[in-house]
């Protein structure tokens, strides 16, 4: 993360769902096979580096992850997943 904040949601083959709110200076490594969505707040800047071998398809839809995340608001993300957040 360069500026702002993002919410990183992941859903693995083990059916473990998690959301992590990240701020400037933090980073995450996404392992192969982990479904993920990223919500970017206004004026956020991130950098993505893709490494490793490409497979025939490195993107797979995750209807379950979409179902778990699409209705979350920005306020809910901050209240539920950031300790000590105050508006």
N, C-alpha and C. Protein backbone atom coordinates (compact mmCIF):
# COMPACT_ATOMS: atom_id res chain seq x y z
N UNK A 1 0.84 -1.17 0.00
CA UNK A 1 0.00 0.00 0.00
C UNK A 1 0.88 1.23 0.00
N UNK A 2 0.53 2.16 -0.85
CA UNK A 2 1.27 3.41 -0.87
C UNK A 2 0.52 4.50 -0.08
N UNK A 3 -0.77 4.70 -0.41
CA UNK A 3 -1.57 5.70 0.31
C UNK A 3 -2.98 5.18 0.50
N UNK A 4 -3.71 5.77 1.46
CA UNK A 4 -5.09 5.39 1.71
C UNK A 4 -5.19 4.09 2.48
N UNK A 5 -6.29 3.38 2.23
CA UNK A 5 -6.47 2.07 2.85
C UNK A 5 -7.26 1.17 1.90
N UNK A 6 -7.09 -0.14 2.07
CA UNK A 6 -7.83 -1.13 1.31
C UNK A 6 -8.35 -2.20 2.27
N UNK A 7 -9.38 -2.90 1.84
CA UNK A 7 -9.85 -4.08 2.55
C UNK A 7 -9.55 -5.27 1.64
N UNK A 8 -8.79 -6.22 2.16
CA UNK A 8 -8.41 -7.43 1.42
C UNK A 8 -9.23 -8.58 1.97
N UNK A 9 -10.10 -9.15 1.14
CA UNK A 9 -10.93 -10.29 1.55
C UNK A 9 -10.41 -11.54 0.85
N UNK A 10 -10.33 -12.64 1.60
CA UNK A 10 -9.87 -13.89 1.00
C UNK A 10 -10.77 -15.05 1.41
N UNK A 11 -10.81 -16.04 0.54
CA UNK A 11 -11.62 -17.23 0.76
C UNK A 11 -10.87 -18.40 0.15
N UNK A 12 -10.35 -19.26 0.99
CA UNK A 12 -9.52 -20.36 0.50
C UNK A 12 -10.30 -21.65 0.28
N UNK A 13 -9.61 -22.64 -0.24
CA UNK A 13 -10.22 -23.95 -0.47
C UNK A 13 -10.69 -24.57 0.84
N UNK A 14 -10.12 -24.14 1.96
CA UNK A 14 -10.52 -24.64 3.27
C UNK A 14 -11.79 -23.94 3.77
N UNK A 15 -12.37 -23.09 2.94
CA UNK A 15 -13.59 -22.33 3.22
C UNK A 15 -13.42 -21.36 4.40
N UNK A 16 -12.20 -20.90 4.61
CA UNK A 16 -11.92 -19.90 5.63
C UNK A 16 -12.04 -18.52 4.98
N UNK A 17 -12.92 -17.70 5.53
CA UNK A 17 -13.17 -16.35 5.03
C UNK A 17 -12.51 -15.36 5.98
N UNK A 18 -11.79 -14.39 5.42
CA UNK A 18 -11.21 -13.36 6.27
C UNK A 18 -11.15 -12.04 5.52
N UNK A 19 -11.16 -10.97 6.29
CA UNK A 19 -10.97 -9.62 5.75
C UNK A 19 -9.91 -8.95 6.59
N UNK A 20 -9.01 -8.27 5.90
CA UNK A 20 -7.95 -7.53 6.57
C UNK A 20 -7.92 -6.13 6.00
N UNK A 21 -8.02 -5.13 6.85
CA UNK A 21 -7.91 -3.74 6.40
C UNK A 21 -6.45 -3.34 6.53
N UNK A 22 -5.92 -2.79 5.44
CA UNK A 22 -4.50 -2.47 5.37
C UNK A 22 -4.32 -0.99 5.06
N UNK A 23 -3.27 -0.43 5.62
CA UNK A 23 -2.97 1.00 5.43
C UNK A 23 -1.60 1.16 4.79
N UNK A 24 -1.24 2.39 4.49
CA UNK A 24 0.04 2.68 3.84
C UNK A 24 1.19 2.00 4.57
N UNK A 25 2.10 1.43 3.80
CA UNK A 25 3.27 0.76 4.35
C UNK A 25 3.08 -0.72 4.59
N UNK A 26 1.86 -1.22 4.54
CA UNK A 26 1.61 -2.65 4.75
C UNK A 26 1.57 -3.37 3.40
N UNK A 27 1.78 -4.68 3.44
CA UNK A 27 1.74 -5.47 2.21
C UNK A 27 1.13 -6.83 2.49
N UNK A 28 0.77 -7.51 1.42
CA UNK A 28 0.22 -8.86 1.53
C UNK A 28 0.73 -9.68 0.36
N UNK A 29 0.93 -10.96 0.59
CA UNK A 29 1.29 -11.91 -0.46
C UNK A 29 0.11 -12.85 -0.61
N UNK A 30 -0.41 -12.95 -1.83
CA UNK A 30 -1.54 -13.82 -2.11
C UNK A 30 -0.99 -15.12 -2.68
N UNK A 31 -1.26 -16.21 -1.99
CA UNK A 31 -0.80 -17.52 -2.44
C UNK A 31 -1.67 -18.04 -3.57
N UNK A 32 -1.10 -18.87 -4.45
CA UNK A 32 -1.89 -19.45 -5.53
C UNK A 32 -3.11 -20.21 -5.00
N UNK A 33 -4.23 -20.08 -5.70
CA UNK A 33 -5.44 -20.80 -5.33
C UNK A 33 -6.29 -20.12 -4.28
N UNK A 34 -5.88 -18.95 -3.79
CA UNK A 34 -6.67 -18.22 -2.80
C UNK A 34 -7.53 -17.19 -3.53
N UNK A 35 -8.83 -17.34 -3.43
CA UNK A 35 -9.74 -16.36 -4.02
C UNK A 35 -9.67 -15.09 -3.19
N UNK A 36 -9.65 -13.94 -3.84
CA UNK A 36 -9.55 -12.69 -3.10
C UNK A 36 -10.22 -11.54 -3.84
N UNK A 37 -10.71 -10.60 -3.05
CA UNK A 37 -11.27 -9.35 -3.54
C UNK A 37 -10.60 -8.22 -2.80
N UNK A 38 -10.46 -7.09 -3.45
CA UNK A 38 -9.87 -5.92 -2.80
C UNK A 38 -10.82 -4.75 -2.97
N UNK A 39 -11.15 -4.11 -1.85
CA UNK A 39 -11.91 -2.87 -1.87
C UNK A 39 -10.92 -1.74 -1.64
N UNK A 40 -10.88 -0.77 -2.54
CA UNK A 40 -9.97 0.37 -2.40
C UNK A 40 -10.76 1.61 -2.00
N UNK A 41 -10.33 2.26 -0.93
CA UNK A 41 -10.97 3.51 -0.52
C UNK A 41 -10.59 4.62 -1.51
N UNK A 42 -11.30 5.73 -1.41
CA UNK A 42 -11.01 6.87 -2.28
C UNK A 42 -9.57 7.32 -2.10
N UNK A 43 -8.92 7.68 -3.18
CA UNK A 43 -7.56 8.22 -3.20
C UNK A 43 -6.50 7.21 -2.73
N UNK A 44 -6.81 5.93 -2.84
CA UNK A 44 -5.82 4.90 -2.50
C UNK A 44 -4.89 4.66 -3.68
N UNK A 45 -3.67 4.28 -3.38
CA UNK A 45 -2.71 3.88 -4.41
C UNK A 45 -2.05 2.59 -3.94
N UNK A 46 -2.09 1.57 -4.80
CA UNK A 46 -1.43 0.30 -4.49
C UNK A 46 -0.53 -0.07 -5.66
N UNK A 47 0.39 -0.96 -5.39
CA UNK A 47 1.27 -1.50 -6.42
C UNK A 47 1.16 -3.01 -6.38
N UNK A 48 1.06 -3.63 -7.54
CA UNK A 48 0.93 -5.08 -7.63
C UNK A 48 2.12 -5.64 -8.39
N UNK A 49 2.70 -6.69 -7.84
CA UNK A 49 3.79 -7.40 -8.51
C UNK A 49 3.35 -8.84 -8.66
N UNK A 50 3.37 -9.32 -9.89
CA UNK A 50 3.02 -10.71 -10.15
C UNK A 50 4.32 -11.47 -10.42
N UNK A 51 4.50 -12.55 -9.69
CA UNK A 51 5.71 -13.33 -9.89
C UNK A 51 5.34 -14.80 -10.01
N UNK A 52 6.26 -15.58 -10.49
CA UNK A 52 6.01 -17.01 -10.66
C UNK A 52 5.52 -17.32 -12.06
N UNK A 53 5.28 -18.59 -12.29
CA UNK A 53 4.85 -19.06 -13.59
C UNK A 53 3.36 -18.83 -13.79
N UNK A 54 2.99 -18.51 -15.02
CA UNK A 54 1.58 -18.43 -15.37
C UNK A 54 1.04 -19.84 -15.58
N UNK A 55 -0.20 -20.03 -15.24
CA UNK A 55 -0.87 -21.29 -15.55
C UNK A 55 -1.82 -21.01 -16.70
N UNK A 56 -2.56 -22.03 -17.13
CA UNK A 56 -3.48 -21.82 -18.24
C UNK A 56 -4.50 -20.74 -17.91
N UNK A 57 -4.86 -20.63 -16.64
CA UNK A 57 -5.76 -19.56 -16.21
C UNK A 57 -5.42 -19.23 -14.77
N UNK A 58 -5.04 -17.99 -14.52
CA UNK A 58 -4.70 -17.62 -13.15
C UNK A 58 -5.84 -16.83 -12.49
N UNK A 59 -7.02 -16.85 -13.08
CA UNK A 59 -8.17 -16.20 -12.49
C UNK A 59 -9.34 -17.17 -12.51
N UNK A 60 -10.00 -17.30 -11.36
CA UNK A 60 -11.17 -18.16 -11.24
C UNK A 60 -12.22 -17.40 -10.45
N UNK A 61 -13.44 -17.39 -10.95
CA UNK A 61 -14.53 -16.71 -10.24
C UNK A 61 -14.79 -17.38 -8.90
N UNK A 62 -15.23 -16.58 -7.93
CA UNK A 62 -15.59 -17.10 -6.61
C UNK A 62 -16.93 -16.50 -6.20
N UNK A 63 -18.02 -17.13 -6.64
CA UNK A 63 -19.35 -16.62 -6.27
C UNK A 63 -19.54 -16.55 -4.75
N UNK A 64 -18.95 -17.48 -4.02
CA UNK A 64 -19.10 -17.48 -2.56
C UNK A 64 -18.43 -16.25 -1.94
N UNK A 65 -17.22 -15.92 -2.38
CA UNK A 65 -16.54 -14.73 -1.85
C UNK A 65 -17.32 -13.47 -2.24
N UNK A 66 -17.81 -13.41 -3.45
CA UNK A 66 -18.62 -12.26 -3.87
C UNK A 66 -19.86 -12.13 -2.98
N UNK A 67 -20.51 -13.25 -2.68
CA UNK A 67 -21.71 -13.22 -1.83
C UNK A 67 -21.37 -12.68 -0.44
N UNK A 68 -20.21 -13.04 0.08
CA UNK A 68 -19.81 -12.62 1.42
C UNK A 68 -19.38 -11.15 1.50
N UNK A 69 -18.95 -10.57 0.37
CA UNK A 69 -18.35 -9.24 0.43
C UNK A 69 -19.14 -8.13 -0.25
N UNK A 70 -19.93 -8.44 -1.25
CA UNK A 70 -20.53 -7.37 -2.06
C UNK A 70 -21.48 -6.46 -1.31
N UNK A 71 -22.08 -6.91 -0.24
CA UNK A 71 -23.03 -6.06 0.48
C UNK A 71 -22.38 -5.25 1.60
N UNK A 72 -21.09 -5.45 1.87
CA UNK A 72 -20.41 -4.72 2.94
C UNK A 72 -20.19 -3.27 2.54
N UNK A 73 -20.48 -2.35 3.45
CA UNK A 73 -20.22 -0.95 3.20
C UNK A 73 -18.83 -0.58 3.72
N UNK A 74 -18.35 0.56 3.30
CA UNK A 74 -17.06 1.04 3.78
C UNK A 74 -17.06 1.19 5.31
N UNK A 75 -18.14 1.71 5.83
CA UNK A 75 -18.26 1.88 7.29
C UNK A 75 -18.20 0.53 8.00
N UNK A 76 -18.89 -0.48 7.47
CA UNK A 76 -18.86 -1.81 8.07
C UNK A 76 -17.46 -2.40 8.04
N UNK A 77 -16.77 -2.22 6.92
CA UNK A 77 -15.41 -2.73 6.83
C UNK A 77 -14.53 -2.14 7.92
N UNK A 78 -14.63 -0.84 8.10
CA UNK A 78 -13.78 -0.18 9.10
C UNK A 78 -14.20 -0.52 10.53
N UNK A 79 -15.48 -0.61 10.80
CA UNK A 79 -15.93 -0.91 12.15
C UNK A 79 -15.66 -2.36 12.54
N UNK A 80 -15.81 -3.29 11.62
CA UNK A 80 -15.66 -4.71 11.93
C UNK A 80 -14.22 -5.19 11.88
N UNK A 81 -13.40 -4.57 11.05
CA UNK A 81 -12.10 -5.16 10.77
C UNK A 81 -10.91 -4.28 11.16
N UNK A 82 -11.18 -3.12 11.74
CA UNK A 82 -10.09 -2.27 12.23
C UNK A 82 -10.35 -1.93 13.68
N UNK A 83 -9.50 -2.39 14.57
CA UNK A 83 -9.65 -2.06 15.98
C UNK A 83 -9.20 -0.64 16.21
N UNK A 84 -9.97 0.09 16.99
CA UNK A 84 -9.59 1.45 17.33
C UNK A 84 -9.96 2.48 16.29
N UNK A 85 -10.71 2.10 15.25
CA UNK A 85 -11.12 3.07 14.24
C UNK A 85 -12.18 3.99 14.82
N UNK A 86 -12.07 5.24 14.55
CA UNK A 86 -13.10 6.20 14.97
C UNK A 86 -13.39 7.13 13.80
N UNK A 87 -14.66 7.38 13.55
CA UNK A 87 -15.03 8.29 12.44
C UNK A 87 -14.70 9.72 12.81
